């Protein structure tokens, strides 16, 4: 069975390579928004996360 359809399409599996810091930032940002890491990347690709939201997330992440 494939991944569930979101954004009107089935999802595909991909492989990403990130630094440990990149993984941590991705996890924190996605958790802050209450979404999965996959959905966070999807929203960035679709320009659904604004630069302002990115700056707010970075500020919250680094303030912890």
C-alpha atoms as a PDB file:
ATOM      1  CA  UNK A   1       0.000   0.000   0.000  1.00  0.00           C
ATOM      2  CA  UNK A   2       1.261   3.520  -0.823  1.00  0.00           C
ATOM      3  CA  UNK A   3       1.428   6.517   1.435  1.00  0.00           C
ATOM      4  CA  UNK A   4      -1.816   8.350   2.110  1.00  0.00           C
ATOM      5  CA  UNK A   5      -2.836  11.066  -0.315  1.00  0.00           C
ATOM      6  CA  UNK A   6      -2.246  14.645   0.781  1.00  0.00           C
ATOM      7  CA  UNK A   7      -2.306  17.780  -1.285  1.00  0.00           C
ATOM      8  CA  UNK A   8      -4.366  15.753  -3.751  1.00  0.00           C
ATOM      9  CA  UNK A   9      -1.538  13.317  -4.493  1.00  0.00           C
ATOM     10  CA  UNK A  10       0.068  10.193  -3.069  1.00  0.00           C
ATOM     11  CA  UNK A  11       3.401  10.792  -1.403  1.00  0.00           C
ATOM     12  CA  UNK A  12       6.676   9.301  -2.638  1.00  0.00           C
ATOM     13  CA  UNK A  13       9.514   8.101  -0.442  1.00  0.00           C
ATOM     14  CA  UNK A  14      12.778  10.024  -0.794  1.00  0.00           C
ATOM     15  CA  UNK A  15      16.079  10.035   1.042  1.00  0.00           C
ATOM     16  CA  UNK A  16      17.566  13.204   2.530  1.00  0.00           C
ATOM     17  CA  UNK A  17      20.981  13.675   4.032  1.00  0.00           C
ATOM     18  CA  UNK A  18      21.268  16.364   6.703  1.00  0.00           C
ATOM     19  CA  UNK A  19      23.787  17.338   9.327  1.00  0.00           C
ATOM     20  CA  UNK A  20      22.849  16.511  12.920  1.00  0.00           C
ATOM     21  CA  UNK A  21      22.099  20.213  13.461  1.00  0.00           C
ATOM     22  CA  UNK A  22      19.891  20.266  10.344  1.00  0.00           C
ATOM     23  CA  UNK A  23      17.950  17.263  11.623  1.00  0.00           C
ATOM     24  CA  UNK A  24      17.471  18.909  15.005  1.00  0.00           C
ATOM     25  CA  UNK A  25      16.268  22.169  13.445  1.00  0.00           C
ATOM     26  CA  UNK A  26      13.872  20.301  11.160  1.00  0.00           C
ATOM     27  CA  UNK A  27      12.445  18.348  14.096  1.00  0.00           C
ATOM     28  CA  UNK A  28      12.004  21.476  16.245  1.00  0.00           C
ATOM     29  CA  UNK A  29      10.391  23.516  13.464  1.00  0.00           C
ATOM     30  CA  UNK A  30       7.982  20.750  12.488  1.00  0.00           C
ATOM     31  CA  UNK A  31       7.077  20.096  16.125  1.00  0.00           C
ATOM     32  CA  UNK A  32       6.507  23.825  16.702  1.00  0.00           C
ATOM     33  CA  UNK A  33       3.939  23.798  13.894  1.00  0.00           C
ATOM     34  CA  UNK A  34       2.438  20.501  15.058  1.00  0.00           C
ATOM     35  CA  UNK A  35       3.206  18.743  11.758  1.00  0.00           C
ATOM     36  CA  UNK A  36       5.488  15.946  10.587  1.00  0.00           C
ATOM     37  CA  UNK A  37       8.957  16.604   9.206  1.00  0.00           C
ATOM     38  CA  UNK A  38       7.683  15.350   5.859  1.00  0.00           C
ATOM     39  CA  UNK A  39       4.793  17.828   5.872  1.00  0.00           C
ATOM     40  CA  UNK A  40       7.153  20.649   6.881  1.00  0.00           C
ATOM     41  CA  UNK A  41       9.394  19.945   3.876  1.00  0.00           C
ATOM     42  CA  UNK A  42       6.307  19.675   1.635  1.00  0.00           C
ATOM     43  CA  UNK A  43       5.116  23.100   2.785  1.00  0.00           C
ATOM     44  CA  UNK A  44       8.534  24.652   2.158  1.00  0.00           C
ATOM     45  CA  UNK A  45       8.575  23.177  -1.359  1.00  0.00           C
ATOM     46  CA  UNK A  46       5.084  24.569  -2.010  1.00  0.00           C
ATOM     47  CA  UNK A  47       5.996  27.986  -0.551  1.00  0.00           C
ATOM     48  CA  UNK A  48       3.323  27.548   2.112  1.00  0.00           C
ATOM     49  CA  UNK A  49       5.679  28.577   4.906  1.00  0.00           C
ATOM     50  CA  UNK A  50       6.592  32.244   4.740  1.00  0.00           C
ATOM     51  CA  UNK A  51      10.004  33.692   5.483  1.00  0.00           C
ATOM     52  CA  UNK A  52       8.411  35.452   8.459  1.00  0.00           C
ATOM     53  CA  UNK A  53       7.238  32.114   9.860  1.00  0.00           C
ATOM     54  CA  UNK A  54      10.732  30.706   9.300  1.00  0.00           C
ATOM     55  CA  UNK A  55      12.267  33.613  11.266  1.00  0.00           C
ATOM     56  CA  UNK A  56       9.756  33.144  14.092  1.00  0.00           C
ATOM     57  CA  UNK A  57      10.472  29.410  14.236  1.00  0.00           C
ATOM     58  CA  UNK A  58      14.216  29.995  14.215  1.00  0.00           C
ATOM     59  CA  UNK A  59      13.864  32.493  17.060  1.00  0.00           C
ATOM     60  CA  UNK A  60      11.773  30.075  19.114  1.00  0.00           C
ATOM     61  CA  UNK A  61      14.156  27.235  18.356  1.00  0.00           C
ATOM     62  CA  UNK A  62      17.290  29.132  19.336  1.00  0.00           C
ATOM     63  CA  UNK A  63      15.726  30.688  22.432  1.00  0.00           C
ATOM     64  CA  UNK A  64      15.230  27.245  24.004  1.00  0.00           C
END
